[in-house]
């Protein structure tokens, strides 16, 4: 049975938009882009975790690798937070378009 890391127990919703194929790169490098919604001490946060390779064609200068707080919601806005995360992560069927849209949001967000 896999143990859930302590840092991920407060995640309400998460979607990995793209990740390095472990079959093609079993020893790394491991890259990914994901959106998740988590409960914080006084509300809910929607995050964009961007971990792309330096030579990835999706690097347009809009955002660097890192964790971006896209939006924060009050304790009473749990459903709104989850909805925002879902809509951000599912804007398009194209992975490239979703990452480009998230990079635009990240440009306006707080990088942590």
PDB file of N, CA and C in Angstrom:
ATOM      1  N   UNK A   1       0.838  -1.179   0.000  1.00  0.00           N
ATOM      2  CA  UNK A   1       0.000   0.000   0.000  1.00  0.00           C
ATOM      3  C   UNK A   1       0.887   1.248   0.000  1.00  0.00           C
ATOM      4  N   UNK A   2       0.599   2.192  -0.903  1.00  0.00           N
ATOM      5  CA  UNK A   2       1.370   3.429  -0.984  1.00  0.00           C
ATOM      6  C   UNK A   2       0.901   4.407   0.079  1.00  0.00           C
ATOM      7  N   UNK A   3       1.845   5.024   0.749  1.00  0.00           N
ATOM      8  CA  UNK A   3       1.541   6.053   1.733  1.00  0.00           C
ATOM      9  C   UNK A   3       1.439   7.404   1.025  1.00  0.00           C
ATOM     10  N   UNK A   4       0.466   8.189   1.403  1.00  0.00           N
ATOM     11  CA  UNK A   4       0.319   9.531   0.844  1.00  0.00           C
ATOM     12  C   UNK A   4       1.247  10.459   1.612  1.00  0.00           C
ATOM     13  N   UNK A   5       2.122  11.181   0.894  1.00  0.00           N
ATOM     14  CA  UNK A   5       3.011  12.118   1.608  1.00  0.00           C
ATOM     15  C   UNK A   5       2.193  13.134   2.400  1.00  0.00           C
ATOM     16  N   UNK A   6       2.717  13.518   3.544  1.00  0.00           N
ATOM     17  CA  UNK A   6       2.022  14.456   4.433  1.00  0.00           C
ATOM     18  C   UNK A   6       1.655  15.744   3.702  1.00  0.00           C
ATOM     19  N   UNK A   7       2.533  16.213   2.821  1.00  0.00           N
ATOM     20  CA  UNK A   7       2.292  17.472   2.124  1.00  0.00           C
ATOM     21  C   UNK A   7       1.144  17.385   1.132  1.00  0.00           C
ATOM     22  N   UNK A   8       0.718  16.170   0.761  1.00  0.00           N
ATOM     23  CA  UNK A   8      -0.351  16.040  -0.223  1.00  0.00           C
ATOM     24  C   UNK A   8      -1.684  15.628   0.387  1.00  0.00           C
ATOM     25  N   UNK A   9      -1.746  15.462   1.695  1.00  0.00           N
ATOM     26  CA  UNK A   9      -2.983  15.044   2.334  1.00  0.00           C
ATOM     27  C   UNK A   9      -4.055  16.123   2.281  1.00  0.00           C
ATOM     28  N   UNK A  10      -3.653  17.380   2.148  1.00  0.00           N
ATOM     29  CA  UNK A  10      -4.633  18.454   2.123  1.00  0.00           C
ATOM     30  C   UNK A  10      -5.071  18.808   0.698  1.00  0.00           C
ATOM     31  N   UNK A  11      -4.653  18.042  -0.310  1.00  0.00           N
ATOM     32  CA  UNK A  11      -5.053  18.291  -1.691  1.00  0.00           C
ATOM     33  C   UNK A  11      -6.491  17.831  -1.908  1.00  0.00           C
ATOM     34  N   UNK A  12      -7.314  18.732  -2.384  1.00  0.00           N
ATOM     35  CA  UNK A  12      -8.705  18.405  -2.667  1.00  0.00           C
ATOM     36  C   UNK A  12      -8.864  17.893  -4.089  1.00  0.00           C
ATOM     37  N   UNK A  13      -8.071  18.443  -4.992  1.00  0.00           N
ATOM     38  CA  UNK A  13      -8.157  18.064  -6.403  1.00  0.00           C
ATOM     39  C   UNK A  13      -6.804  18.347  -7.045  1.00  0.00           C
ATOM     40  N   UNK A  14      -6.397  17.472  -7.963  1.00  0.00           N
ATOM     41  CA  UNK A  14      -5.129  17.684  -8.655  1.00  0.00           C
ATOM     42  C   UNK A  14      -5.203  17.047 -10.027  1.00  0.00           C
ATOM     43  N   UNK A  15      -4.541  17.679 -10.975  1.00  0.00           N
ATOM     44  CA  UNK A  15      -4.439  17.110 -12.317  1.00  0.00           C
ATOM     45  C   UNK A  15      -3.041  17.372 -12.843  1.00  0.00           C
ATOM     46  N   UNK A  16      -2.409  16.303 -13.283  1.00  0.00           N
ATOM     47  CA  UNK A  16      -1.125  16.438 -13.957  1.00  0.00           C
ATOM     48  C   UNK A  16      -1.439  16.681 -15.432  1.00  0.00           C
ATOM     49  N   UNK A  17      -1.049  17.846 -15.926  1.00  0.00           N
ATOM     50  CA  UNK A  17      -1.324  18.232 -17.299  1.00  0.00           C
ATOM     51  C   UNK A  17      -0.407  17.467 -18.247  1.00  0.00           C
ATOM     52  N   UNK A  18       0.868  17.391 -17.852  1.00  0.00           N
ATOM     53  CA  UNK A  18       1.872  16.720 -18.676  1.00  0.00           C
ATOM     54  C   UNK A  18       3.006  16.253 -17.776  1.00  0.00           C
ATOM     55  N   UNK A  19       3.616  15.125 -18.123  1.00  0.00           N
ATOM     56  CA  UNK A  19       4.778  14.648 -17.383  1.00  0.00           C
ATOM     57  C   UNK A  19       5.684  13.855 -18.304  1.00  0.00           C
ATOM     58  N   UNK A  20       6.947  13.781 -17.933  1.00  0.00           N
ATOM     59  CA  UNK A  20       7.929  13.014 -18.693  1.00  0.00           C
ATOM     60  C   UNK A  20       7.547  11.539 -18.631  1.00  0.00           C
ATOM     61  N   UNK A  21       7.568  10.893 -19.762  1.00  0.00           N
ATOM     62  CA  UNK A  21       7.224   9.470 -19.835  1.00  0.00           C
ATOM     63  C   UNK A  21       8.288   8.651 -19.112  1.00  0.00           C
ATOM     64  N   UNK A  22       7.920   7.983 -18.015  1.00  0.00           N
ATOM     65  CA  UNK A  22       8.917   7.212 -17.256  1.00  0.00           C
ATOM     66  C   UNK A  22       9.465   6.017 -18.039  1.00  0.00           C
ATOM     67  N   UNK A  23       8.722   5.540 -19.042  1.00  0.00           N
ATOM     68  CA  UNK A  23       9.220   4.445 -19.879  1.00  0.00           C
ATOM     69  C   UNK A  23      10.367   4.935 -20.763  1.00  0.00           C
ATOM     70  N   UNK A  24      10.231   6.150 -21.281  1.00  0.00           N
ATOM     71  CA  UNK A  24      11.265   6.714 -22.159  1.00  0.00           C
ATOM     72  C   UNK A  24      12.457   7.238 -21.358  1.00  0.00           C
ATOM     73  N   UNK A  25      12.228   7.704 -20.143  1.00  0.00           N
ATOM     74  CA  UNK A  25      13.285   8.273 -19.302  1.00  0.00           C
ATOM     75  C   UNK A  25      13.224   7.645 -17.909  1.00  0.00           C
ATOM     76  N   UNK A  26      13.549   6.359 -17.770  1.00  0.00           N
ATOM     77  CA  UNK A  26      13.414   5.695 -16.470  1.00  0.00           C
ATOM     78  C   UNK A  26      14.324   6.270 -15.379  1.00  0.00           C
ATOM     79  N   UNK A  27      15.439   6.845 -15.753  1.00  0.00           N
ATOM     80  CA  UNK A  27      16.365   7.404 -14.766  1.00  0.00           C
ATOM     81  C   UNK A  27      16.328   8.926 -14.729  1.00  0.00           C
ATOM     82  N   UNK A  28      15.353   9.500 -15.373  1.00  0.00           N
ATOM     83  CA  UNK A  28      15.222  10.957 -15.388  1.00  0.00           C
ATOM     84  C   UNK A  28      15.680  11.527 -16.695  1.00  0.00           C
ATOM     85  N   UNK A  29      15.593  12.756 -16.932  1.00  0.00           N
ATOM     86  CA  UNK A  29      15.036  13.768 -16.042  1.00  0.00           C
ATOM     87  C   UNK A  29      13.514  13.676 -15.982  1.00  0.00           C
ATOM     88  N   UNK A  30      12.955  14.078 -14.858  1.00  0.00           N
ATOM     89  CA  UNK A  30      11.511  14.026 -14.668  1.00  0.00           C
ATOM     90  C   UNK A  30      10.958  15.449 -14.671  1.00  0.00           C
ATOM     91  N   UNK A  31      10.093  15.724 -15.625  1.00  0.00           N
ATOM     92  CA  UNK A  31       9.489  17.049 -15.763  1.00  0.00           C
ATOM     93  C   UNK A  31       7.972  16.902 -15.757  1.00  0.00           C
ATOM     94  N   UNK A  32       7.284  17.967 -15.338  1.00  0.00           N
ATOM     95  CA  UNK A  32       5.823  17.904 -15.288  1.00  0.00           C
ATOM     96  C   UNK A  32       5.226  19.306 -15.198  1.00  0.00           C
ATOM     97  N   UNK A  33       3.927  19.347 -15.415  1.00  0.00           N
ATOM     98  CA  UNK A  33       3.134  20.552 -15.196  1.00  0.00           C
ATOM     99  C   UNK A  33       1.825  20.077 -14.585  1.00  0.00           C
ATOM    100  N   UNK A  34       1.425  20.675 -13.461  1.00  0.00           N
ATOM    101  CA  UNK A  34       0.188  20.249 -12.820  1.00  0.00           C
ATOM    102  C   UNK A  34      -0.519  21.410 -12.132  1.00  0.00           C
ATOM    103  N   UNK A  35      -1.813  21.228 -11.939  1.00  0.00           N
ATOM    104  CA  UNK A  35      -2.642  22.185 -11.223  1.00  0.00           C
ATOM    105  C   UNK A  35      -3.259  21.432 -10.065  1.00  0.00           C
ATOM    106  N   UNK A  36      -3.298  22.071  -8.911  1.00  0.00           N
ATOM    107  CA  UNK A  36      -3.968  21.431  -7.787  1.00  0.00           C
ATOM    108  C   UNK A  36      -4.611  22.466  -6.875  1.00  0.00           C
ATOM    109  N   UNK A  37      -5.625  21.993  -6.177  1.00  0.00           N
ATOM    110  CA  UNK A  37      -6.347  22.797  -5.203  1.00  0.00           C
ATOM    111  C   UNK A  37      -6.116  22.158  -3.849  1.00  0.00           C
ATOM    112  N   UNK A  38      -5.737  22.956  -2.873  1.00  0.00           N
ATOM    113  CA  UNK A  38      -5.484  22.393  -1.541  1.00  0.00           C
ATOM    114  C   UNK A  38      -6.073  23.294  -0.464  1.00  0.00           C
ATOM    115  N   UNK A  39      -6.340  22.658   0.665  1.00  0.00           N
ATOM    116  CA  UNK A  39      -6.856  23.389   1.810  1.00  0.00           C
ATOM    117  C   UNK A  39      -5.697  23.989   2.581  1.00  0.00           C
ATOM    118  N   UNK A  40      -5.807  25.257   2.887  1.00  0.00           N
ATOM    119  CA  UNK A  40      -4.822  25.954   3.704  1.00  0.00           C
ATOM    120  C   UNK A  40      -5.454  26.226   5.070  1.00  0.00           C
ATOM    121  N   UNK A  41      -4.715  26.824   5.967  1.00  0.00           N
ATOM    122  CA  UNK A  41      -5.225  27.046   7.324  1.00  0.00           C
ATOM    123  C   UNK A  41      -6.440  27.970   7.357  1.00  0.00           C
ATOM    124  N   UNK A  42      -6.533  28.920   6.441  1.00  0.00           N
ATOM    125  CA  UNK A  42      -7.659  29.849   6.477  1.00  0.00           C
ATOM    126  C   UNK A  42      -8.360  30.004   5.125  1.00  0.00           C
ATOM    127  N   UNK A  43      -8.293  28.973   4.290  1.00  0.00           N
ATOM    128  CA  UNK A  43      -8.966  29.029   2.996  1.00  0.00           C
ATOM    129  C   UNK A  43      -8.465  27.944   2.066  1.00  0.00           C
ATOM    130  N   UNK A  44      -8.584  28.212   0.773  1.00  0.00           N
ATOM    131  CA  UNK A  44      -8.202  27.245  -0.254  1.00  0.00           C
ATOM    132  C   UNK A  44      -7.332  27.934  -1.297  1.00  0.00           C
ATOM    133  N   UNK A  45      -6.305  27.235  -1.729  1.00  0.00           N
ATOM    134  CA  UNK A  45      -5.379  27.790  -2.706  1.00  0.00           C
ATOM    135  C   UNK A  45      -5.376  26.922  -3.957  1.00  0.00           C
ATOM    136  N   UNK A  46      -5.264  27.585  -5.109  1.00  0.00           N
ATOM    137  CA  UNK A  46      -5.109  26.886  -6.381  1.00  0.00           C
ATOM    138  C   UNK A  46      -3.695  27.177  -6.868  1.00  0.00           C
ATOM    139  N   UNK A  47      -2.944  26.111  -7.104  1.00  0.00           N
ATOM    140  CA  UNK A  47      -1.535  26.205  -7.470  1.00  0.00           C
ATOM    141  C   UNK A  47      -1.271  25.650  -8.857  1.00  0.00           C
ATOM    142  N   UNK A  48      -0.275  26.209  -9.507  1.00  0.00           N
ATOM    143  CA  UNK A  48       0.263  25.698 -10.772  1.00  0.00           C
ATOM    144  C   UNK A  48       1.717  25.350 -10.480  1.00  0.00           C
ATOM    145  N   UNK A  49       2.053  24.073 -10.588  1.00  0.00           N
ATOM    146  CA  UNK A  49       3.427  23.612 -10.371  1.00  0.00           C
ATOM    147  C   UNK A  49       4.033  23.336 -11.743  1.00  0.00           C
ATOM    148  N   UNK A  50       5.011  24.144 -12.119  1.00  0.00           N
ATOM    149  CA  UNK A  50       5.612  24.085 -13.450  1.00  0.00           C
ATOM    150  C   UNK A  50       7.041  23.592 -13.331  1.00  0.00           C
ATOM    151  N   UNK A  51       7.328  22.450 -13.966  1.00  0.00           N
ATOM    152  CA  UNK A  51       8.655  21.841 -13.935  1.00  0.00           C
ATOM    153  C   UNK A  51       8.995  21.334 -15.338  1.00  0.00           C
ATOM    154  N   UNK A  52       9.256  22.248 -16.259  1.00  0.00           N
ATOM    155  CA  UNK A  52       9.582  21.868 -17.630  1.00  0.00           C
ATOM    156  C   UNK A  52      11.086  21.932 -17.852  1.00  0.00           C
ATOM    157  N   UNK A  53      11.562  21.166 -18.824  1.00  0.00           N
ATOM    158  CA  UNK A  53      12.986  21.185 -19.165  1.00  0.00           C
ATOM    159  C   UNK A  53      13.356  22.553 -19.739  1.00  0.00           C
ATOM    160  N   UNK A  54      14.612  22.938 -19.558  1.00  0.00           N
ATOM    161  CA  UNK A  54      15.067  24.249 -20.070  1.00  0.00           C
ATOM    162  C   UNK A  54      14.906  24.361 -21.585  1.00  0.00           C
ATOM    163  N   UNK A  55      15.063  23.256 -22.298  1.00  0.00           N
ATOM    164  CA  UNK A  55      14.962  23.286 -23.754  1.00  0.00           C
ATOM    165  C   UNK A  55      13.564  22.907 -24.261  1.00  0.00           C
ATOM    166  N   UNK A  56      12.574  22.863 -23.383  1.00  0.00           N
ATOM    167  CA  UNK A  56      11.205  22.527 -23.786  1.00  0.00           C
ATOM    168  C   UNK A  56      10.662  23.625 -24.693  1.00  0.00           C
ATOM    169  N   UNK A  57      10.026  23.220 -25.785  1.00  0.00           N
ATOM    170  CA  UNK A  57       9.502  24.183 -26.754  1.00  0.00           C
ATOM    171  C   UNK A  57       8.387  25.061 -26.184  1.00  0.00           C
ATOM    172  N   UNK A  58       7.818  24.658 -25.046  1.00  0.00           N
ATOM    173  CA  UNK A  58       6.742  25.441 -24.427  1.00  0.00           C
ATOM    174  C   UNK A  58       7.264  26.588 -23.570  1.00  0.00           C
ATOM    175  N   UNK A  59       8.561  26.705 -23.402  1.00  0.00           N
ATOM    176  CA  UNK A  59       9.138  27.833 -22.659  1.00  0.00           C
ATOM    177  C   UNK A  59       9.095  29.066 -23.545  1.00  0.00           C
ATOM    178  N   UNK A  60       8.188  29.967 -23.230  1.00  0.00           N
ATOM    179  CA  UNK A  60       7.992  31.160 -24.053  1.00  0.00           C
ATOM    180  C   UNK A  60       8.431  32.437 -23.361  1.00  0.00           C
ATOM    181  N   UNK A  61       8.885  32.328 -22.135  1.00  0.00           N
ATOM    182  CA  UNK A  61       9.273  33.518 -21.393  1.00  0.00           C
ATOM    183  C   UNK A  61       8.146  34.068 -20.531  1.00  0.00           C
ATOM    184  N   UNK A  62       6.934  33.527 -20.658  1.00  0.00           N
ATOM    185  CA  UNK A  62       5.812  33.983 -19.829  1.00  0.00           C
ATOM    186  C   UNK A  62       6.006  33.566 -18.376  1.00  0.00           C
ATOM    187  N   UNK A  63       6.583  32.367 -18.164  1.00  0.00           N
ATOM    188  CA  UNK A  63       6.742  31.855 -16.798  1.00  0.00           C
ATOM    189  C   UNK A  63       7.985  30.980 -16.716  1.00  0.00           C
ATOM    190  N   UNK A  64       8.612  30.997 -15.559  1.00  0.00           N
ATOM    191  CA  UNK A  64       9.744  30.115 -15.276  1.00  0.00           C
ATOM    192  C   UNK A  64       9.221  28.914 -14.500  1.00  0.00           C
ATOM    193  N   UNK A  65      10.076  27.935 -14.307  1.00  0.00           N
ATOM    194  CA  UNK A  65       9.695  26.811 -13.463  1.00  0.00           C
ATOM    195  C   UNK A  65       9.509  27.286 -12.034  1.00  0.00           C
ATOM    196  N   UNK A  66       8.559  26.680 -11.354  1.00  0.00           N
ATOM    197  CA  UNK A  66       8.298  27.032  -9.972  1.00  0.00           C
ATOM    198  C   UNK A  66       6.865  26.732  -9.604  1.00  0.00           C
ATOM    199  N   UNK A  67       6.499  27.123  -8.402  1.00  0.00           N
ATOM    200  CA  UNK A  67       5.134  26.962  -7.907  1.00  0.00           C
ATOM    201  C   UNK A  67       4.472  28.329  -7.892  1.00  0.00           C
ATOM    202  N   UNK A  68       3.306  28.413  -8.514  1.00  0.00           N
ATOM    203  CA  UNK A  68       2.588  29.673  -8.632  1.00  0.00           C
ATOM    204  C   UNK A  68       1.237  29.582  -7.934  1.00  0.00           C
ATOM    205  N   UNK A  69       0.978  30.496  -7.038  1.00  0.00           N
ATOM    206  CA  UNK A  69      -0.328  30.601  -6.399  1.00  0.00           C
ATOM    207  C   UNK A  69      -1.224  31.370  -7.367  1.00  0.00           C
ATOM    208  N   UNK A  70      -2.092  30.649  -8.058  1.00  0.00           N
ATOM    209  CA  UNK A  70      -2.943  31.280  -9.060  1.00  0.00           C
ATOM    210  C   UNK A  70      -4.061  32.096  -8.435  1.00  0.00           C
ATOM    211  N   UNK A  71      -4.619  31.546  -7.343  1.00  0.00           N
ATOM    212  CA  UNK A  71      -5.717  32.267  -6.699  1.00  0.00           C
ATOM    213  C   UNK A  71      -5.954  31.677  -5.314  1.00  0.00           C
ATOM    214  N   UNK A  72      -6.420  32.537  -4.424  1.00  0.00           N
ATOM    215  CA  UNK A  72      -6.729  32.117  -3.055  1.00  0.00           C
ATOM    216  C   UNK A  72      -8.212  32.367  -2.795  1.00  0.00           C
ATOM    217  N   UNK A  73      -8.852  31.432  -2.106  1.00  0.00           N
ATOM    218  CA  UNK A  73     -10.273  31.509  -1.820  1.00  0.00           C
ATOM    219  C   UNK A  73     -10.517  31.437  -0.312  1.00  0.00           C
ATOM    220  N   UNK A  74     -11.580  32.092   0.149  1.00  0.00           N
ATOM    221  CA  UNK A  74     -11.956  32.041   1.565  1.00  0.00           C
ATOM    222  C   UNK A  74     -12.425  30.644   1.946  1.00  0.00           C
ATOM    223  N   UNK A  75     -12.493  30.395   3.251  1.00  0.00           N
ATOM    224  CA  UNK A  75     -12.945  29.103   3.787  1.00  0.00           C
ATOM    225  C   UNK A  75     -14.321  28.703   3.260  1.00  0.00           C
ATOM    226  N   UNK A  76     -15.169  29.684   3.004  1.00  0.00           N
ATOM    227  CA  UNK A  76     -16.535  29.405   2.545  1.00  0.00           C
ATOM    228  C   UNK A  76     -16.616  29.162   1.044  1.00  0.00           C
ATOM    229  N   UNK A  77     -15.486  29.216   0.342  1.00  0.00           N
ATOM    230  CA  UNK A  77     -15.487  29.095  -1.118  1.00  0.00           C
ATOM    231  C   UNK A  77     -14.798  27.820  -1.614  1.00  0.00           C
ATOM    232  N   UNK A  78     -14.968  26.738  -0.890  1.00  0.00           N
ATOM    233  CA  UNK A  78     -14.334  25.470  -1.255  1.00  0.00           C
ATOM    234  C   UNK A  78     -14.700  25.050  -2.673  1.00  0.00           C
ATOM    235  N   UNK A  79     -15.984  25.035  -2.993  1.00  0.00           N
ATOM    236  CA  UNK A  79     -16.427  24.598  -4.317  1.00  0.00           C
ATOM    237  C   UNK A  79     -15.920  25.525  -5.418  1.00  0.00           C
ATOM    238  N   UNK A  80     -15.877  26.824  -5.139  1.00  0.00           N
ATOM    239  CA  UNK A  80     -15.363  27.783  -6.120  1.00  0.00           C
ATOM    240  C   UNK A  80     -13.885  27.521  -6.414  1.00  0.00           C
ATOM    241  N   UNK A  81     -13.136  27.189  -5.373  1.00  0.00           N
ATOM    242  CA  UNK A  81     -11.710  26.904  -5.546  1.00  0.00           C
ATOM    243  C   UNK A  81     -11.503  25.668  -6.418  1.00  0.00           C
ATOM    244  N   UNK A  82     -12.253  24.621  -6.132  1.00  0.00           N
ATOM    245  CA  UNK A  82     -12.130  23.397  -6.924  1.00  0.00           C
ATOM    246  C   UNK A  82     -12.555  23.659  -8.365  1.00  0.00           C
ATOM    247  N   UNK A  83     -13.641  24.385  -8.556  1.00  0.00           N
ATOM    248  CA  UNK A  83     -14.115  24.697  -9.906  1.00  0.00           C
ATOM    249  C   UNK A  83     -13.064  25.492 -10.683  1.00  0.00           C
ATOM    250  N   UNK A  84     -12.455  26.480 -10.042  1.00  0.00           N
ATOM    251  CA  UNK A  84     -11.424  27.278 -10.701  1.00  0.00           C
ATOM    252  C   UNK A  84     -10.254  26.399 -11.130  1.00  0.00           C
ATOM    253  N   UNK A  85      -9.828  25.495 -10.257  1.00  0.00           N
ATOM    254  CA  UNK A  85      -8.719  24.595 -10.581  1.00  0.00           C
ATOM    255  C   UNK A  85      -9.065  23.686 -11.756  1.00  0.00           C
ATOM    256  N   UNK A  86     -10.259  23.120 -11.727  1.00  0.00           N
ATOM    257  CA  UNK A  86     -10.697  22.222 -12.799  1.00  0.00           C
ATOM    258  C   UNK A  86     -10.756  22.963 -14.127  1.00  0.00           C
ATOM    259  N   UNK A  87     -11.319  24.158 -14.115  1.00  0.00           N
ATOM    260  CA  UNK A  87     -11.420  24.934 -15.363  1.00  0.00           C
ATOM    261  C   UNK A  87     -10.040  25.338 -15.888  1.00  0.00           C
ATOM    262  N   UNK A  88      -9.135  25.699 -15.008  1.00  0.00           N
ATOM    263  CA  UNK A  88      -7.778  26.061 -15.436  1.00  0.00           C
ATOM    264  C   UNK A  88      -7.062  24.870 -16.080  1.00  0.00           C
ATOM    265  N   UNK A  89      -7.249  23.705 -15.520  1.00  0.00           N
ATOM    266  CA  UNK A  89      -6.533  22.512 -15.981  1.00  0.00           C
ATOM    267  C   UNK A  89      -7.165  21.868 -17.201  1.00  0.00           C
ATOM    268  N   UNK A  90      -8.385  22.267 -17.534  1.00  0.00           N
ATOM    269  CA  UNK A  90      -9.100  21.628 -18.641  1.00  0.00           C
ATOM    270  C   UNK A  90      -9.576  22.629 -19.681  1.00  0.00           C
ATOM    271  N   UNK A  91      -8.793  23.660 -19.915  1.00  0.00           N
ATOM    272  CA  UNK A  91      -9.181  24.708 -20.861  1.00  0.00           C
ATOM    273  C   UNK A  91      -9.238  24.224 -22.300  1.00  0.00           C
ATOM    274  N   UNK A  92      -8.470  23.223 -22.591  1.00  0.00           N
ATOM    275  CA  UNK A  92      -8.359  22.736 -23.963  1.00  0.00           C
ATOM    276  C   UNK A  92      -7.962  21.273 -23.935  1.00  0.00           C
ATOM    277  N   UNK A  93      -8.144  20.600 -25.046  1.00  0.00           N
ATOM    278  CA  UNK A  93      -7.656  19.223 -25.145  1.00  0.00           C
ATOM    279  C   UNK A  93      -6.171  19.198 -25.481  1.00  0.00           C
ATOM    280  N   UNK A  94      -5.651  20.315 -25.941  1.00  0.00           N
ATOM    281  CA  UNK A  94      -4.232  20.416 -26.280  1.00  0.00           C
ATOM    282  C   UNK A  94      -3.410  20.744 -25.036  1.00  0.00           C
ATOM    283  N   UNK A  95      -2.470  19.875 -24.725  1.00  0.00           N
ATOM    284  CA  UNK A  95      -1.589  20.098 -23.573  1.00  0.00           C
ATOM    285  C   UNK A  95      -0.828  21.404 -23.737  1.00  0.00           C
ATOM    286  N   UNK A  96      -0.334  21.666 -24.930  1.00  0.00           N
ATOM    287  CA  UNK A  96       0.424  22.896 -25.173  1.00  0.00           C
ATOM    288  C   UNK A  96      -0.422  24.144 -24.909  1.00  0.00           C
ATOM    289  N   UNK A  97      -1.687  24.119 -25.315  1.00  0.00           N
ATOM    290  CA  UNK A  97      -2.561  25.269 -25.093  1.00  0.00           C
ATOM    291  C   UNK A  97      -2.859  25.461 -23.610  1.00  0.00           C
ATOM    292  N   UNK A  98      -3.050  24.366 -22.880  1.00  0.00           N
ATOM    293  CA  UNK A  98      -3.311  24.466 -21.435  1.00  0.00           C
ATOM    294  C   UNK A  98      -2.093  25.052 -20.729  1.00  0.00           C
ATOM    295  N   UNK A  99      -0.905  24.557 -21.061  1.00  0.00           N
ATOM    296  CA  UNK A  99       0.312  25.081 -20.426  1.00  0.00           C
ATOM    297  C   UNK A  99       0.517  26.548 -20.783  1.00  0.00           C
ATOM    298  N   UNK A 100       0.251  26.925 -22.035  1.00  0.00           N
ATOM    299  CA  UNK A 100       0.386  28.331 -22.438  1.00  0.00           C
ATOM    300  C   UNK A 100      -0.580  29.213 -21.646  1.00  0.00           C
ATOM    301  N   UNK A 101      -1.818  28.760 -21.467  1.00  0.00           N
ATOM    302  CA  UNK A 101      -2.800  29.538 -20.700  1.00  0.00           C
ATOM    303  C   UNK A 101      -2.395  29.625 -19.228  1.00  0.00           C
ATOM    304  N   UNK A 102      -1.888  28.538 -18.672  1.00  0.00           N
ATOM    305  CA  UNK A 102      -1.418  28.559 -17.287  1.00  0.00           C
ATOM    306  C   UNK A 102      -0.215  29.475 -17.128  1.00  0.00           C
ATOM    307  N   UNK A 103       0.656  29.513 -18.119  1.00  0.00           N
ATOM    308  CA  UNK A 103       1.810  30.410 -18.058  1.00  0.00           C
ATOM    309  C   UNK A 103       1.373  31.871 -18.040  1.00  0.00           C
ATOM    310  N   UNK A 104       0.310  32.195 -18.783  1.00  0.00           N
ATOM    311  CA  UNK A 104      -0.217  33.562 -18.759  1.00  0.00           C
ATOM    312  C   UNK A 104      -0.751  33.887 -17.364  1.00  0.00           C
ATOM    313  N   UNK A 105      -1.497  32.948 -16.770  1.00  0.00           N
ATOM    314  CA  UNK A 105      -1.985  33.150 -15.400  1.00  0.00           C
ATOM    315  C   UNK A 105      -0.824  33.262 -14.419  1.00  0.00           C
ATOM    316  N   UNK A 106       0.199  32.449 -14.623  1.00  0.00           N
ATOM    317  CA  UNK A 106       1.361  32.461 -13.729  1.00  0.00           C
ATOM    318  C   UNK A 106       2.089  33.796 -13.784  1.00  0.00           C
ATOM    319  N   UNK A 107       2.102  34.408 -14.960  1.00  0.00           N
ATOM    320  CA  UNK A 107       2.759  35.703 -15.120  1.00  0.00           C
ATOM    321  C   UNK A 107       2.117  36.756 -14.198  1.00  0.00           C
ATOM    322  N   UNK A 108       0.830  36.577 -13.913  1.00  0.00           N
ATOM    323  CA  UNK A 108       0.085  37.518 -13.070  1.00  0.00           C
ATOM    324  C   UNK A 108      -0.012  37.010 -11.616  1.00  0.00           C
ATOM    325  N   UNK A 109       0.497  35.816 -11.344  1.00  0.00           N
ATOM    326  CA  UNK A 109       0.334  35.192 -10.028  1.00  0.00           C
ATOM    327  C   UNK A 109       1.556  35.417  -9.145  1.00  0.00           C
ATOM    328  N   UNK A 110       1.444  34.926  -7.939  1.00  0.00           N
ATOM    329  CA  UNK A 110       2.541  35.002  -6.978  1.00  0.00           C
ATOM    330  C   UNK A 110       3.363  33.734  -7.061  1.00  0.00           C
ATOM    331  N   UNK A 111       4.655  33.876  -7.378  1.00  0.00           N
ATOM    332  CA  UNK A 111       5.548  32.727  -7.435  1.00  0.00           C
ATOM    333  C   UNK A 111       6.088  32.451  -6.039  1.00  0.00           C
ATOM    334  N   UNK A 112       6.064  31.191  -5.653  1.00  0.00           N
ATOM    335  CA  UNK A 112       6.557  30.801  -4.325  1.00  0.00           C
ATOM    336  C   UNK A 112       7.742  29.895  -4.479  1.00  0.00           C
TER     337      UNK A 112
END
